[in-house]
PDB file of all heavy atoms in Angstrom:
ATOM      1  N   SER A   1      -4.621 -12.883  28.875  1.00  0.00           N
ATOM      2  CA  SER A   1      -4.338 -11.601  28.283  1.00  0.00           C
ATOM      3  C   SER A   1      -2.895 -11.306  28.139  1.00  0.00           C
ATOM      4  O   SER A   1      -2.431 -10.586  27.232  1.00  0.00           O
ATOM      5  CB  SER A   1      -5.122 -10.485  29.012  1.00  0.00           C
ATOM      6  OG  SER A   1      -4.556 -10.462  30.416  1.00  0.00           O
ATOM      7  N   LYS A   2      -2.102 -11.739  29.157  1.00  0.00           N
ATOM      8  CA  LYS A   2      -0.689 -11.522  29.161  1.00  0.00           C
ATOM      9  C   LYS A   2       0.009 -12.202  28.006  1.00  0.00           C
ATOM     10  O   LYS A   2       0.814 -11.686  27.226  1.00  0.00           O
ATOM     11  CB  LYS A   2      -0.020 -12.032  30.343  1.00  0.00           C
ATOM     12  CG  LYS A   2      -0.411 -11.108  31.623  1.00  0.00           C
ATOM     13  CD  LYS A   2       0.409 -11.685  32.881  1.00  0.00           C
ATOM     14  CE  LYS A   2       0.002 -10.770  34.007  1.00  0.00           C
ATOM     15  NZ  LYS A   2       0.801 -11.228  35.370  1.00  0.00           N
ATOM     16  N   ILE A   3      -0.549 -13.473  27.626  1.00  0.00           N
ATOM     17  CA  ILE A   3      -0.045 -14.179  26.489  1.00  0.00           C
ATOM     18  C   ILE A   3      -0.294 -13.471  25.139  1.00  0.00           C
ATOM     19  O   ILE A   3       0.608 -13.357  24.314  1.00  0.00           O
ATOM     20  CB  ILE A   3      -0.602 -15.628  26.417  1.00  0.00           C
ATOM     21  CG1 ILE A   3      -0.098 -16.327  27.705  1.00  0.00           C
ATOM     22  CG2 ILE A   3      -0.119 -16.404  25.137  1.00  0.00           C
ATOM     23  CD1 ILE A   3      -0.717 -17.773  27.895  1.00  0.00           C
ATOM     24  N   ILE A   4      -1.541 -13.034  25.010  1.00  0.00           N
ATOM     25  CA  ILE A   4      -1.942 -12.240  23.825  1.00  0.00           C
ATOM     26  C   ILE A   4      -1.083 -11.041  23.553  1.00  0.00           C
ATOM     27  O   ILE A   4      -0.667 -10.698  22.564  1.00  0.00           O
ATOM     28  CB  ILE A   4      -3.492 -11.934  23.931  1.00  0.00           C
ATOM     29  CG1 ILE A   4      -4.274 -13.318  23.871  1.00  0.00           C
ATOM     30  CG2 ILE A   4      -3.848 -11.068  22.723  1.00  0.00           C
ATOM     31  CD1 ILE A   4      -5.766 -12.978  24.100  1.00  0.00           C
ATOM     32  N   SER A   5      -0.950 -10.270  24.774  1.00  0.00           N
ATOM     33  CA  SER A   5      -0.085  -9.066  24.663  1.00  0.00           C
ATOM     34  C   SER A   5       1.343  -9.413  24.295  1.00  0.00           C
ATOM     35  O   SER A   5       1.934  -8.685  23.466  1.00  0.00           O
ATOM     36  CB  SER A   5      -0.111  -8.391  26.086  1.00  0.00           C
ATOM     37  OG  SER A   5       0.705  -7.241  26.078  1.00  0.00           O
ATOM     38  N   LYS A   6       1.911 -10.439  24.855  1.00  0.00           N
ATOM     39  CA  LYS A   6       3.227 -10.815  24.485  1.00  0.00           C
ATOM     40  C   LYS A   6       3.223 -11.197  22.960  1.00  0.00           C
ATOM     41  O   LYS A   6       4.287 -10.808  22.358  1.00  0.00           O
ATOM     42  CB  LYS A   6       3.673 -12.012  25.329  1.00  0.00           C
ATOM     43  CG  LYS A   6       5.099 -12.472  25.177  1.00  0.00           C
ATOM     44  CD  LYS A   6       5.427 -13.581  26.009  1.00  0.00           C
ATOM     45  CE  LYS A   6       6.916 -14.043  25.883  1.00  0.00           C
ATOM     46  NZ  LYS A   6       7.221 -15.189  26.829  1.00  0.00           N
ATOM     47  N   ASN A   7       2.411 -11.915  22.467  1.00  0.00           N
ATOM     48  CA  ASN A   7       2.335 -12.296  21.077  1.00  0.00           C
ATOM     49  C   ASN A   7       2.232 -11.064  20.170  1.00  0.00           C
ATOM     50  O   ASN A   7       2.871 -10.935  19.142  1.00  0.00           O
ATOM     51  CB  ASN A   7       1.182 -13.250  20.820  1.00  0.00           C
ATOM     52  CG  ASN A   7       1.386 -14.617  21.422  1.00  0.00           C
ATOM     53  OD1 ASN A   7       2.527 -15.017  21.677  1.00  0.00           O
ATOM     54  ND2 ASN A   7       0.311 -15.427  21.542  1.00  0.00           N
ATOM     55  N   LYS A   8       1.468 -10.093  20.642  1.00  0.00           N
ATOM     56  CA  LYS A   8       1.364  -8.818  19.828  1.00  0.00           C
ATOM     57  C   LYS A   8       2.662  -8.133  19.735  1.00  0.00           C
ATOM     58  O   LYS A   8       3.057  -7.521  18.751  1.00  0.00           O
ATOM     59  CB  LYS A   8       0.272  -7.893  20.437  1.00  0.00           C
ATOM     60  CG  LYS A   8      -1.148  -8.338  20.206  1.00  0.00           C
ATOM     61  CD  LYS A   8      -2.098  -7.326  20.761  1.00  0.00           C
ATOM     62  CE  LYS A   8      -3.583  -7.801  20.450  1.00  0.00           C
ATOM     63  NZ  LYS A   8      -4.565  -6.757  21.048  1.00  0.00           N
ATOM     64  N   ILE A   9       3.449  -8.183  20.850  1.00  0.00           N
ATOM     65  CA  ILE A   9       4.686  -7.521  20.978  1.00  0.00           C
ATOM     66  C   ILE A   9       5.726  -8.160  19.992  1.00  0.00           C
ATOM     67  O   ILE A   9       6.364  -7.500  19.195  1.00  0.00           O
ATOM     68  CB  ILE A   9       5.308  -7.498  22.350  1.00  0.00           C
ATOM     69  CG1 ILE A   9       4.435  -6.556  23.329  1.00  0.00           C
ATOM     70  CG2 ILE A   9       6.742  -6.925  22.366  1.00  0.00           C
ATOM     71  CD1 ILE A   9       4.806  -6.674  24.756  1.00  0.00           C
ATOM     72  N   ILE A  10       5.735  -9.514  20.012  1.00  0.00           N
ATOM     73  CA  ILE A  10       6.552 -10.224  19.131  1.00  0.00           C
ATOM     74  C   ILE A  10       6.237  -9.957  17.736  1.00  0.00           C
ATOM     75  O   ILE A  10       7.052  -9.816  16.788  1.00  0.00           O
ATOM     76  CB  ILE A  10       6.505 -11.756  19.479  1.00  0.00           C
ATOM     77  CG1 ILE A  10       7.013 -12.099  20.866  1.00  0.00           C
ATOM     78  CG2 ILE A  10       7.213 -12.585  18.406  1.00  0.00           C
ATOM     79  CD1 ILE A  10       6.847 -13.463  21.336  1.00  0.00           C
ATOM     80  N   LEU A  11       4.957  -9.913  17.373  1.00  0.00           N
ATOM     81  CA  LEU A  11       4.505  -9.743  15.993  1.00  0.00           C
ATOM     82  C   LEU A  11       4.886  -8.337  15.536  1.00  0.00           C
ATOM     83  O   LEU A  11       5.388  -8.115  14.377  1.00  0.00           O
ATOM     84  CB  LEU A  11       2.902  -9.928  15.882  1.00  0.00           C
ATOM     85  CG  LEU A  11       2.372  -9.698  14.511  1.00  0.00           C
ATOM     86  CD1 LEU A  11       2.909 -10.779  13.539  1.00  0.00           C
ATOM     87  CD2 LEU A  11       0.798  -9.861  14.582  1.00  0.00           C
ATOM     88  N   THR A  12       4.724  -7.355  16.438  1.00  0.00           N
ATOM     89  CA  THR A  12       5.130  -5.966  16.094  1.00  0.00           C
ATOM     90  C   THR A  12       6.626  -5.864  15.818  1.00  0.00           C
ATOM     91  O   THR A  12       7.059  -5.174  14.865  1.00  0.00           O
ATOM     92  CB  THR A  12       4.778  -5.047  17.252  1.00  0.00           C
ATOM     93  OG1 THR A  12       3.295  -5.092  17.515  1.00  0.00           O
ATOM     94  CG2 THR A  12       5.098  -3.581  16.885  1.00  0.00           C
ATOM     95  N   LEU A  13       7.439  -6.612  16.584  1.00  0.00           N
ATOM     96  CA  LEU A  13       8.858  -6.594  16.429  1.00  0.00           C
ATOM     97  C   LEU A  13       9.271  -7.251  14.985  1.00  0.00           C
ATOM     98  O   LEU A  13      10.167  -6.695  14.361  1.00  0.00           O
ATOM     99  CB  LEU A  13       9.571  -7.289  17.558  1.00  0.00           C
ATOM    100  CG  LEU A  13       9.543  -6.599  18.900  1.00  0.00           C
ATOM    101  CD1 LEU A  13      10.112  -7.532  19.939  1.00  0.00           C
ATOM    102  CD2 LEU A  13      10.421  -5.330  18.786  1.00  0.00           C
ATOM    103  N   LEU A  14       8.602  -8.247  14.704  1.00  0.00           N
ATOM    104  CA  LEU A  14       8.926  -9.032  13.526  1.00  0.00           C
ATOM    105  C   LEU A  14       8.474  -8.123  12.280  1.00  0.00           C
ATOM    106  O   LEU A  14       9.227  -8.032  11.311  1.00  0.00           O
ATOM    107  CB  LEU A  14       8.036 -10.299  13.377  1.00  0.00           C
ATOM    108  CG  LEU A  14       8.586 -11.442  14.413  1.00  0.00           C
ATOM    109  CD1 LEU A  14       7.640 -12.555  14.249  1.00  0.00           C
ATOM    110  CD2 LEU A  14       9.947 -11.839  13.904  1.00  0.00           C
ATOM    111  N   ILE A  15       7.341  -7.420  12.365  1.00  0.00           N
ATOM    112  CA  ILE A  15       6.938  -6.569  11.271  1.00  0.00           C
ATOM    113  C   ILE A  15       7.971  -5.380  11.155  1.00  0.00           C
ATOM    114  O   ILE A  15       8.291  -5.002  10.058  1.00  0.00           O
ATOM    115  CB  ILE A  15       5.537  -6.036  11.523  1.00  0.00           C
ATOM    116  CG1 ILE A  15       4.539  -7.185  11.478  1.00  0.00           C
ATOM    117  CG2 ILE A  15       5.109  -4.896  10.567  1.00  0.00           C
ATOM    118  CD1 ILE A  15       3.103  -6.815  11.858  1.00  0.00           C
ATOM    119  N   THR A  16       8.353  -4.953  12.254  1.00  0.00           N
ATOM    120  CA  THR A  16       9.384  -3.813  12.236  1.00  0.00           C
ATOM    121  C   THR A  16      10.646  -4.111  11.595  1.00  0.00           C
ATOM    122  O   THR A  16      11.305  -3.479  10.729  1.00  0.00           O
ATOM    123  CB  THR A  16       9.672  -3.225  13.663  1.00  0.00           C
ATOM    124  OG1 THR A  16       8.448  -2.830  14.246  1.00  0.00           O
ATOM    125  CG2 THR A  16      10.636  -2.035  13.618  1.00  0.00           C
ATOM    126  N   LEU A  17      11.138  -5.430  11.956  1.00  0.00           N
ATOM    127  CA  LEU A  17      12.349  -5.897  11.354  1.00  0.00           C
ATOM    128  C   LEU A  17      12.233  -6.116   9.864  1.00  0.00           C
ATOM    129  O   LEU A  17      13.111  -5.806   9.074  1.00  0.00           O
ATOM    130  CB  LEU A  17      12.790  -7.240  12.069  1.00  0.00           C
ATOM    131  CG  LEU A  17      13.272  -7.120  13.447  1.00  0.00           C
ATOM    132  CD1 LEU A  17      13.401  -8.435  14.123  1.00  0.00           C
ATOM    133  CD2 LEU A  17      14.664  -6.343  13.469  1.00  0.00           C
ATOM    134  N   LEU A  18      11.072  -6.606   9.504  1.00  0.00           N
ATOM    135  CA  LEU A  18      10.778  -6.953   8.061  1.00  0.00           C
ATOM    136  C   LEU A  18      10.756  -5.634   7.241  1.00  0.00           C
ATOM    137  O   LEU A  18      11.354  -5.536   6.178  1.00  0.00           O
ATOM    138  CB  LEU A  18       9.523  -7.710   7.939  1.00  0.00           C
ATOM    139  CG  LEU A  18       9.114  -8.133   6.441  1.00  0.00           C
ATOM    140  CD1 LEU A  18      10.164  -8.938   5.842  1.00  0.00           C
ATOM    141  CD2 LEU A  18       7.746  -8.766   6.402  1.00  0.00           C
ATOM    142  N   ILE A  19      10.128  -4.678   7.832  1.00  0.00           N
ATOM    143  CA  ILE A  19      10.057  -3.302   7.039  1.00  0.00           C
ATOM    144  C   ILE A  19      11.482  -2.674   6.896  1.00  0.00           C
ATOM    145  O   ILE A  19      11.779  -2.070   5.902  1.00  0.00           O
ATOM    146  CB  ILE A  19       9.084  -2.355   7.841  1.00  0.00           C
ATOM    147  CG1 ILE A  19       7.614  -2.915   7.687  1.00  0.00           C
ATOM    148  CG2 ILE A  19       9.179  -0.963   7.292  1.00  0.00           C
ATOM    149  CD1 ILE A  19       6.606  -2.151   8.555  1.00  0.00           C
ATOM    150  N   SER A  20      12.306  -2.834   7.922  1.00  0.00           N
ATOM    151  CA  SER A  20      13.552  -2.281   7.869  1.00  0.00           C
ATOM    152  C   SER A  20      14.460  -3.010   7.032  1.00  0.00           C
ATOM    153  O   SER A  20      15.437  -2.469   6.483  1.00  0.00           O
ATOM    154  CB  SER A  20      14.129  -2.176   9.347  1.00  0.00           C
ATOM    155  OG  SER A  20      14.328  -3.484   9.828  1.00  0.00           O
ATOM    156  N   TYR A  21      14.196  -4.351   6.814  1.00  0.00           N
ATOM    157  CA  TYR A  21      15.000  -5.157   5.945  1.00  0.00           C
ATOM    158  C   TYR A  21      14.800  -5.088   4.537  1.00  0.00           C
ATOM    159  O   TYR A  21      15.642  -5.290   3.686  1.00  0.00           O
ATOM    160  CB  TYR A  21      14.900  -6.672   6.414  1.00  0.00           C
ATOM    161  CG  TYR A  21      15.855  -7.573   5.877  1.00  0.00           C
ATOM    162  CD1 TYR A  21      17.250  -7.372   6.061  1.00  0.00           C
ATOM    163  CD2 TYR A  21      15.519  -8.679   5.085  1.00  0.00           C
ATOM    164  CE1 TYR A  21      18.286  -8.200   5.559  1.00  0.00           C
ATOM    165  CE2 TYR A  21      16.443  -9.511   4.570  1.00  0.00           C
ATOM    166  CZ  TYR A  21      17.882  -9.281   4.793  1.00  0.00           C
ATOM    167  OH  TYR A  21      18.739 -10.179   4.362  1.00  0.00           O
ATOM    168  N   ILE A  22      13.393  -4.706   4.181  1.00  0.00           N
ATOM    169  CA  ILE A  22      13.119  -4.585   2.622  1.00  0.00           C
ATOM    170  C   ILE A  22      13.943  -3.654   1.868  1.00  0.00           C
ATOM    171  O   ILE A  22      14.378  -3.908   0.869  1.00  0.00           O
ATOM    172  CB  ILE A  22      11.647  -4.189   2.630  1.00  0.00           C
ATOM    173  CG1 ILE A  22      10.744  -5.442   3.023  1.00  0.00           C
ATOM    174  CG2 ILE A  22      11.225  -3.733   1.256  1.00  0.00           C
ATOM    175  CD1 ILE A  22       9.181  -5.114   3.138  1.00  0.00           C
ATOM    176  N   PRO A  23      14.307  -2.352   2.444  1.00  0.00           N
ATOM    177  CA  PRO A  23      15.126  -1.525   1.678  1.00  0.00           C
ATOM    178  C   PRO A  23      16.419  -2.081   1.413  1.00  0.00           C
ATOM    179  O   PRO A  23      17.040  -1.762   0.329  1.00  0.00           O
ATOM    180  CB  PRO A  23      15.218  -0.173   2.580  1.00  0.00           C
ATOM    181  CG  PRO A  23      13.940  -0.278   3.376  1.00  0.00           C
ATOM    182  CD  PRO A  23      13.730  -1.700   3.675  1.00  0.00           C
ATOM    183  N   ILE A  24      16.940  -2.798   2.431  1.00  0.00           N
ATOM    184  CA  ILE A  24      18.304  -3.466   2.150  1.00  0.00           C
ATOM    185  C   ILE A  24      18.256  -4.428   1.025  1.00  0.00           C
ATOM    186  O   ILE A  24      19.150  -4.580   0.236  1.00  0.00           O
ATOM    187  CB  ILE A  24      18.829  -4.187   3.442  1.00  0.00           C
ATOM    188  CG1 ILE A  24      18.987  -3.149   4.554  1.00  0.00           C
ATOM    189  CG2 ILE A  24      20.085  -4.914   3.343  1.00  0.00           C
ATOM    190  CD1 ILE A  24      19.310  -3.698   5.962  1.00  0.00           C
TER     191      ILE A  24
END
């Protein structure tokens, strides 16, 4: 469960970075 939770956090961070990069 810790691995799945860690993967979710990484995925969330990547999506956040992507969304912030699109306007640029």
